C-alpha cells in the first residue's frame, strides 16, 4: 500500500477513578492516536505508554514527538507491502517500542481494511469469544477490595488480578484467598520488589496463585530466573518482555512460565506475533495485556487475543470499567460472563467520534510527503 498521509494526535483520556499501582497513581491516560491514510481508505491505532516514564522509559509526549518529527516522515510517501518494511525504516533508532508500535499497528489495521478481512483473520486468529479477567488496583481498604472482587465474581469473571505494592501485598492475598477459595487469582507487582524479598515470595506459594506478574526490575531476566527456581508459583514477565530477543533470552534462562504480550511495549503487532510463536514452541503460555488505552487501542488487543497460544484470561476491559465516555461511539462490552467478542468487520471498528477527539486532543500534526 502507498502511505499518503499520517495524522497524529496526543490525546487525554480522563479515567472514572484513579488507577493506583506500585509506581503511583494515574487520574487520566495520555496516549498517541494515529490515523494512517492510503488512497480513499484510512485506519486507526493507539499507543499508550502513560503520561510519565513510570511503567517504562517511554512517555506519551515523547512518543508523539518521535512520530511527528521522525517516524511518520519516514513512512509517508512509501509503498509499504509488509509490516517488516516499517521495522527496516526504523532500524537505526534504538529502543522506543511504544513509539514504533504506533505507526506499525496502524499499518496492520489499514492492511485489514484494504484486504476487507477482520484483523484477527489477517493475524491467524479465530472468530471465537476471548476470555478476559477483572483487575483491581490498590484500594483504600481491604473491605473495599473484597467488595469489588465479589462484584467481579458475581458478574462471571473467571480470574482476578490484584495490584501489589509494599504494604499492600501479603494480607491482600491472604484476605482475598480466604474469601474466595476457588477463584483464579494472580498479583501484579509492577517491578516493585527485589531478590531480598525471596522469603515473601516463597510465603505466597501457600495461596495457589495462578502467577506472580513482573515482581523484579523492569529490565531484568536473570534475577527472575533465579526467583522462578526458588518458588513454586509461576512467574509472568511483563515489563521485561520488551522485544522478541528478550523473550528468547527469557525462555533460555527459564525466567518465567507465562508472558504478558502488550503490542505497544514490544514494538507492534509483528513483534507480538514473533513472541507468541516463540512462547508456543517453548511451552510458555501467553495472554494479552493493555495500557488502559481507549477503545481504539483495546479493540486491537482483542484481535490479538484470538491467537492459539493465548491461554490465560486477558487484561482487556469493557469501556465502562475505565471511562465515563469512550472516545468512540461503539464501546467494548462483554459478550458473556468474562468474555468479549472480536470484531467481524475489516479494519478498525472502534473509531474516534470527531468532536470527542477534538475536545481531548492536546496536540495534532498531519504528516504528508515532502513535495519536491
Protein backbone atom coordinates (compact mmCIF):
# COMPACT_ATOMS: atom_id res chain seq x y z
CA UNK A 1 0.00 0.00 0.00
CA UNK A 2 1.10 3.58 -0.60
CA UNK A 3 1.03 5.74 2.54
CA UNK A 4 -0.44 9.10 1.57
CA UNK A 5 -0.53 10.74 4.99
CA UNK A 6 -0.48 10.10 8.73
CA UNK A 7 -2.40 12.12 11.32
CA UNK A 8 -1.02 12.09 14.87
CA UNK A 9 -2.98 13.10 17.96
CA UNK A 10 -1.73 13.47 21.52
CA UNK A 11 -4.90 12.76 23.48
CA UNK A 12 -6.04 12.98 27.09
CA UNK A 13 -8.46 10.31 28.40
CA UNK A 14 -9.94 11.10 31.85
CA UNK A 15 -10.48 7.99 33.98
CA UNK A 16 -13.59 7.36 36.08
CA UNK A 17 -11.35 6.82 39.11
CA UNK A 18 -7.57 6.98 39.70
CA UNK A 19 -5.61 3.84 38.80
CA UNK A 20 -3.17 3.06 41.63
CA UNK A 21 -0.21 0.71 41.29
CA UNK A 22 3.28 0.19 42.74
CA UNK A 23 4.61 3.04 40.58
CA UNK A 24 1.97 5.62 41.51
CA UNK A 25 -1.49 6.85 40.59
CA UNK A 26 -2.95 7.98 37.25
CA UNK A 27 -6.13 10.06 37.06
CA UNK A 28 -6.03 10.26 33.27
CA UNK A 29 -4.35 8.43 30.42
CA UNK A 30 -2.30 10.18 27.77
CA UNK A 31 -1.95 8.32 24.50
CA UNK A 32 -0.98 8.86 20.88
CA UNK A 33 -3.73 8.07 18.39
CA UNK A 34 -2.70 7.53 14.78
CA UNK A 35 -4.77 7.72 11.61
CA UNK A 36 -2.98 6.30 8.56
CA UNK A 37 -4.27 7.05 5.04
CA UNK A 38 -3.87 5.17 1.77
CA UNK A 39 -5.94 6.41 -1.14
CA UNK A 40 -9.55 6.68 -0.02
CA UNK A 41 -9.02 4.32 2.94
CA UNK A 42 -7.81 5.05 6.47
CA UNK A 43 -7.44 3.18 9.75
CA UNK A 44 -6.63 3.96 13.37
CA UNK A 45 -4.23 2.77 16.07
CA UNK A 46 -3.22 3.87 19.57
CA UNK A 47 -0.05 3.73 21.66
CA UNK A 48 -0.31 4.42 25.38
CA UNK A 49 2.93 4.40 27.41
CA UNK A 50 1.31 6.66 30.09
CA UNK A 51 1.97 10.33 30.76
CA UNK A 52 5.19 9.83 32.71
CA UNK A 53 8.04 7.28 32.32
CA UNK A 54 6.86 5.17 35.25
CA UNK A 55 5.86 1.93 33.52
CA UNK A 56 8.77 2.11 31.04
CA UNK A 57 11.32 4.73 29.93
CA UNK A 58 8.83 5.99 27.33
CA UNK A 59 6.02 8.51 27.84
CA UNK A 60 3.19 9.83 25.71
CA UNK A 61 4.65 13.23 24.85
CA UNK A 62 7.89 11.57 23.76
CA UNK A 63 6.04 9.07 21.59
CA UNK A 64 4.13 11.92 19.95
CA UNK A 65 7.34 13.84 19.27
CA UNK A 66 9.17 10.83 17.81
CA UNK A 67 6.31 10.03 15.50
CA UNK A 68 5.57 13.56 14.35
CA UNK A 69 9.22 14.50 13.79
CA UNK A 70 10.99 11.22 12.92
CA UNK A 71 8.95 8.07 12.38
CA UNK A 72 5.92 9.26 10.42
CA UNK A 73 8.02 11.32 7.95
CA UNK A 74 9.99 8.15 7.14
CA UNK A 75 6.81 6.22 6.31
CA UNK A 76 4.65 8.68 4.36
CA UNK A 77 5.23 8.58 0.63
CA UNK A 78 6.44 4.98 0.86
CA UNK A 79 5.00 1.82 -0.64
CA UNK A 80 4.69 -0.50 2.38
CA UNK A 81 3.58 -4.01 1.48
CA UNK A 82 4.76 -5.78 4.63
CA UNK A 83 5.00 -4.64 8.25
CA UNK A 84 8.64 -5.71 8.41
CA UNK A 85 9.46 -2.85 5.99
CA UNK A 86 8.50 -0.41 8.75
CA UNK A 87 10.98 -2.09 11.06
CA UNK A 88 13.69 -1.63 8.43
CA UNK A 89 12.87 2.08 8.16
CA UNK A 90 13.18 2.42 11.95
CA UNK A 91 16.18 0.12 12.45
CA UNK A 92 18.69 2.83 13.26
CA UNK A 93 16.61 4.18 16.14
CA UNK A 94 17.35 2.37 19.39
CA UNK A 95 14.55 1.18 21.64
CA UNK A 96 11.34 3.23 21.77
CA UNK A 97 8.96 0.32 21.08
CA UNK A 98 5.84 2.31 22.05
CA UNK A 99 6.83 4.96 19.53
CA UNK A 100 7.44 2.46 16.75
CA UNK A 101 4.30 0.49 17.56
CA UNK A 102 2.05 3.49 16.99
CA UNK A 103 2.84 3.50 13.27
CA UNK A 104 3.25 -0.26 12.84
CA UNK A 105 -0.15 -1.09 14.36
CA UNK A 106 -1.85 1.48 12.14
CA UNK A 107 -0.38 -0.32 9.12
CA UNK A 108 -1.91 -3.62 10.25
CA UNK A 109 -5.32 -2.00 10.73
CA UNK A 110 -5.12 -0.38 7.31
CA UNK A 111 -3.99 -3.64 5.69
CA UNK A 112 -7.04 -5.33 7.21
CA UNK A 113 -9.21 -2.54 5.82
CA UNK A 114 -7.74 -2.75 2.31
CA UNK A 115 -7.97 -6.55 2.19
CA UNK A 116 -11.50 -6.50 3.59
CA UNK A 117 -10.90 -9.17 6.23
CA UNK A 118 -11.07 -8.87 10.02
CA UNK A 119 -7.74 -8.08 11.66
CA UNK A 120 -7.72 -11.28 13.72
CA UNK A 121 -8.17 -13.30 10.50
CA UNK A 122 -5.19 -11.49 8.98
CA UNK A 123 -3.18 -12.39 12.12
CA UNK A 124 -4.16 -16.05 12.06
CA UNK A 125 -6.61 -15.88 14.96
CA UNK A 126 -10.10 -17.30 15.38
CA UNK A 127 -13.60 -15.79 15.43
CA UNK A 128 -14.46 -17.13 18.88
CA UNK A 129 -15.05 -15.13 22.05
CA UNK A 130 -11.99 -14.21 24.13
CA UNK A 131 -11.67 -14.80 27.89
CA UNK A 132 -10.97 -11.65 29.92
CA UNK A 133 -10.33 -11.06 33.60
CA UNK A 134 -11.03 -8.37 36.17
CA UNK A 135 -8.23 -6.19 37.56
CA UNK A 136 -8.12 -4.18 40.76
CA UNK A 137 -5.60 -1.52 41.68
CA UNK A 138 -4.64 -0.55 45.20
CA UNK A 139 -7.77 0.33 47.17
CA UNK A 140 -8.40 2.42 50.28
CA UNK A 141 -9.24 -0.66 52.37
CA UNK A 142 -9.33 -4.44 52.24
CA UNK A 143 -13.08 -4.34 52.79
CA UNK A 144 -13.48 -2.26 49.63
CA UNK A 145 -11.30 -4.70 47.69
CA UNK A 146 -13.32 -7.70 48.91
CA UNK A 147 -16.50 -5.95 47.79
CA UNK A 148 -15.10 -5.21 44.33
CA UNK A 149 -13.79 -8.73 43.83
CA UNK A 150 -17.14 -10.12 44.92
CA UNK A 151 -18.87 -8.00 42.28
CA UNK A 152 -16.49 -9.35 39.62
CA UNK A 153 -17.13 -12.94 40.69
CA UNK A 154 -20.89 -12.37 40.64
CA UNK A 155 -20.51 -10.97 37.11
CA UNK A 156 -18.90 -14.19 35.91
CA UNK A 157 -15.20 -13.29 35.67
CA UNK A 158 -13.08 -16.42 35.94
CA UNK A 159 -9.93 -14.71 37.22
CA UNK A 160 -8.95 -11.63 39.19
CA UNK A 161 -5.68 -9.71 39.12
CA UNK A 162 -4.60 -7.74 42.18
CA UNK A 163 -2.06 -4.95 42.06
CA UNK A 164 0.56 -5.44 44.79
CA UNK A 165 2.93 -2.99 46.43
CA UNK A 166 4.92 -2.92 49.66
CA UNK A 167 2.40 -2.72 52.48
CA UNK A 168 -0.38 -3.89 50.15
CA UNK A 169 0.60 -7.46 49.37
CA UNK A 170 0.60 -10.45 51.74
CA UNK A 171 -2.52 -9.51 53.71
CA UNK A 172 -4.26 -8.64 50.44
CA UNK A 173 -3.62 -12.10 49.00
CA UNK A 174 -4.50 -13.81 52.30
CA UNK A 175 -7.78 -11.89 52.59
CA UNK A 176 -8.92 -12.45 49.01
CA UNK A 177 -7.99 -16.13 49.06
CA UNK A 178 -9.85 -16.72 52.35
CA UNK A 179 -12.96 -15.01 50.94
CA UNK A 180 -12.73 -16.65 47.50
CA UNK A 181 -11.08 -20.06 48.00
CA UNK A 182 -11.70 -21.32 44.45
CA UNK A 183 -11.09 -18.13 42.48
CA UNK A 184 -8.23 -17.90 39.95
CA UNK A 185 -6.06 -15.08 41.34
CA UNK A 186 -2.72 -13.56 40.47
CA UNK A 187 -0.82 -10.50 41.64
CA UNK A 188 0.98 -7.86 39.58
CA UNK A 189 3.98 -6.32 41.32
CA UNK A 190 4.97 -3.79 38.62
CA UNK A 191 8.70 -4.25 39.35
CA UNK A 192 8.29 -3.24 43.00
CA UNK A 193 10.44 -5.92 44.66
CA UNK A 194 13.97 -7.42 44.68
CA UNK A 195 15.56 -10.78 45.41
CA UNK A 196 15.87 -9.63 49.02
CA UNK A 197 12.12 -10.37 49.15
CA UNK A 198 12.63 -14.07 48.35
CA UNK A 199 11.08 -15.19 51.66
CA UNK A 200 8.00 -13.10 50.93
CA UNK A 201 7.54 -14.71 47.52
CA UNK A 202 8.05 -18.18 48.99
CA UNK A 203 5.33 -17.38 51.54
CA UNK A 204 2.88 -16.81 48.67
CA UNK A 205 3.19 -20.42 47.47
CA UNK A 206 0.56 -21.48 50.03
CA UNK A 207 -2.14 -19.39 48.32
CA UNK A 208 -2.19 -21.27 45.00
CA UNK A 209 -1.81 -18.16 42.86
CA UNK A 210 -2.03 -18.58 39.11
CA UNK A 211 1.10 -16.44 38.74
CA UNK A 212 3.13 -13.54 40.07
CA UNK A 213 3.47 -10.89 37.39
CA UNK A 214 6.71 -8.89 37.00
CA UNK A 215 7.97 -8.90 40.60
CA UNK A 216 11.50 -7.60 39.84
CA UNK A 217 13.31 -4.87 37.86
CA UNK A 218 11.68 -3.81 34.58
CA UNK A 219 14.71 -4.80 32.51
CA UNK A 220 15.67 -7.99 34.35
CA UNK A 221 15.63 -11.57 33.10
CA UNK A 222 18.36 -13.27 35.16
CA UNK A 223 17.02 -12.50 38.66
CA UNK A 224 13.57 -13.63 37.56
CA UNK A 225 15.11 -16.96 36.52
CA UNK A 226 16.69 -17.31 39.97
CA UNK A 227 13.40 -16.47 41.66
CA UNK A 228 11.43 -18.91 39.50
CA UNK A 229 13.78 -21.72 40.52
CA UNK A 230 13.14 -21.00 44.20
CA UNK A 231 9.35 -20.71 44.29
CA UNK A 232 6.53 -22.97 43.14
CA UNK A 233 4.23 -20.18 41.91
CA UNK A 234 4.66 -19.45 38.18
CA UNK A 235 6.22 -16.13 37.25
CA UNK A 236 4.99 -13.97 34.40
CA UNK A 237 7.10 -11.39 32.60
CA UNK A 238 5.52 -8.09 31.60
CA UNK A 239 7.83 -5.06 31.55
CA UNK A 240 10.93 -7.26 31.00
CA UNK A 241 9.49 -8.80 27.84
CA UNK A 242 10.06 -5.78 25.59
CA UNK A 243 11.20 -7.47 22.37
CA UNK A 244 11.40 -10.85 20.62
CA UNK A 245 15.07 -11.00 21.64
CA UNK A 246 14.19 -10.54 25.31
CA UNK A 247 11.52 -13.21 25.01
CA UNK A 248 14.01 -15.70 23.56
CA UNK A 249 16.53 -14.92 26.32
CA UNK A 250 13.84 -15.34 28.99
CA UNK A 251 12.92 -18.74 27.54
CA UNK A 252 16.58 -19.85 27.52
CA UNK A 253 17.13 -18.68 31.10
CA UNK A 254 13.87 -20.09 32.46
CA UNK A 255 12.78 -16.66 33.69
CA UNK A 256 9.05 -17.37 33.65
CA UNK A 257 6.23 -19.75 32.83
CA UNK A 258 3.97 -17.09 31.30
CA UNK A 259 4.47 -13.94 29.25
CA UNK A 260 2.14 -10.98 29.02
CA UNK A 261 2.21 -9.55 25.49
CA UNK A 262 1.48 -5.85 25.10
CA UNK A 263 1.95 -4.80 21.47
CA UNK A 264 2.90 -1.25 22.43
CA UNK A 265 5.59 -2.44 24.80
CA UNK A 266 7.16 -4.84 22.28
CA UNK A 267 7.13 -2.58 19.22
CA UNK A 268 3.92 -3.60 17.48
CA UNK A 269 1.86 -6.48 16.20
CA UNK A 270 4.63 -8.11 14.16
CA UNK A 271 6.83 -8.49 17.24
CA UNK A 272 3.82 -9.65 19.25
CA UNK A 273 3.34 -12.48 16.77
CA UNK A 274 7.02 -13.45 16.99
CA UNK A 275 6.87 -13.56 20.80
CA UNK A 276 3.61 -15.51 20.75
CA UNK A 277 5.06 -18.13 18.42
CA UNK A 278 8.34 -18.46 20.35
CA UNK A 279 6.44 -18.97 23.59
CA UNK A 280 4.11 -21.51 21.98
CA UNK A 281 7.06 -23.53 20.72
CA UNK A 282 8.67 -23.43 24.18
CA UNK A 283 5.53 -24.34 26.11
CA UNK A 284 5.21 -20.87 27.68
CA UNK A 285 1.63 -19.62 27.97
CA UNK A 286 0.71 -16.11 26.81
CA UNK A 287 -2.01 -13.58 27.42
CA UNK A 288 -2.65 -10.07 26.12
CA UNK A 289 -2.32 -7.00 28.32
CA UNK A 290 -3.12 -3.35 27.83
CA UNK A 291 -2.08 0.10 29.00
CA UNK A 292 -5.55 1.47 29.85
CA UNK A 293 -5.99 2.53 26.23
CA UNK A 294 -9.24 3.85 24.82
CA UNK A 295 -11.37 1.60 22.63
CA UNK A 296 -9.14 2.46 19.65
CA UNK A 297 -6.24 0.56 21.20
CA UNK A 298 -8.17 -2.07 23.14
CA UNK A 299 -10.05 -3.14 20.03
CA UNK A 300 -6.71 -4.20 18.52
CA UNK A 301 -5.73 -6.05 21.71
CA UNK A 302 -8.92 -8.05 21.40
CA UNK A 303 -7.94 -9.12 17.89
CA UNK A 304 -4.54 -10.36 19.10
CA UNK A 305 -6.17 -12.27 21.95
CA UNK A 306 -7.74 -14.69 19.46
CA UNK A 307 -4.38 -16.40 18.76
CA UNK A 308 -3.96 -20.06 19.70
CA UNK A 309 -1.34 -19.67 22.46
CA UNK A 310 -3.34 -17.09 24.38
CA UNK A 311 -4.17 -19.46 27.23
CA UNK A 312 -4.89 -17.17 30.19
CA UNK A 313 -7.74 -14.64 30.61
CA UNK A 314 -6.63 -11.34 29.14
CA UNK A 315 -6.30 -7.81 30.53
CA UNK A 316 -8.94 -6.41 28.19
CA UNK A 317 -11.64 -4.30 29.82
CA UNK A 318 -15.13 -3.20 28.86
CA UNK A 319 -15.18 0.53 28.14
CA UNK A 320 -17.40 1.26 31.14
CA UNK A 321 -14.77 -0.13 33.53
CA UNK A 322 -12.38 2.78 32.98
CA UNK A 323 -14.20 5.55 31.14
CA UNK A 324 -17.41 7.52 31.72
CA UNK A 325 -17.43 8.23 27.98
CA UNK A 326 -15.40 6.40 25.36
CA UNK A 327 -13.73 8.29 22.55
CA UNK A 328 -15.60 6.10 20.04
CA UNK A 329 -19.34 5.74 19.55
CA UNK A 330 -19.09 1.97 19.75
CA UNK A 331 -17.99 0.70 23.16
CA UNK A 332 -16.27 -2.51 24.18
CA UNK A 333 -18.74 -4.69 26.05
CA UNK A 334 -18.86 -8.21 27.45
CA UNK A 335 -20.41 -10.75 25.10
CA UNK A 336 -20.94 -13.16 28.00
CA UNK A 337 -19.64 -13.73 31.55
CA UNK A 338 -15.91 -12.96 31.36
CA UNK A 339 -15.97 -12.98 27.56
CA UNK A 340 -15.51 -10.44 24.76
CA UNK A 341 -16.08 -10.84 21.04
CA UNK A 342 -13.52 -9.76 18.42
CA UNK A 343 -14.67 -7.64 15.52
CA UNK A 344 -16.01 -9.44 12.48
CA UNK A 345 -15.55 -6.46 10.17
CA UNK A 346 -12.45 -5.33 8.33
CA UNK A 347 -10.20 -2.57 9.59
CA UNK A 348 -10.98 -0.55 12.66
CA UNK A 349 -14.38 -0.92 14.29
CA UNK A 350 -13.62 1.50 17.14
CA UNK A 351 -13.06 4.90 15.53
CA UNK A 352 -12.98 8.23 17.38
CA UNK A 353 -16.01 10.50 17.31
CA UNK A 354 -14.56 13.66 15.68
CA UNK A 355 -15.99 16.01 18.32
CA UNK A 356 -14.66 13.92 21.21
CA UNK A 357 -11.26 13.58 19.57
CA UNK A 358 -11.05 17.34 19.04
CA UNK A 359 -12.09 18.04 22.63
CA UNK A 360 -9.47 15.71 24.11
CA UNK A 361 -6.59 16.47 21.74
CA UNK A 362 -3.60 18.26 23.25
CA UNK A 363 -1.58 18.36 20.02
CA UNK A 364 -2.17 17.32 16.41
CA UNK A 365 0.05 17.08 13.35
CA UNK A 366 -0.63 15.81 9.84
CA UNK A 367 2.44 14.38 8.11
CA UNK A 368 2.48 14.21 4.33
CA UNK A 369 5.23 13.53 1.77
CA UNK A 370 7.56 16.45 1.16
CA UNK A 371 6.72 17.98 -2.22
CA UNK A 372 9.74 18.32 -4.45
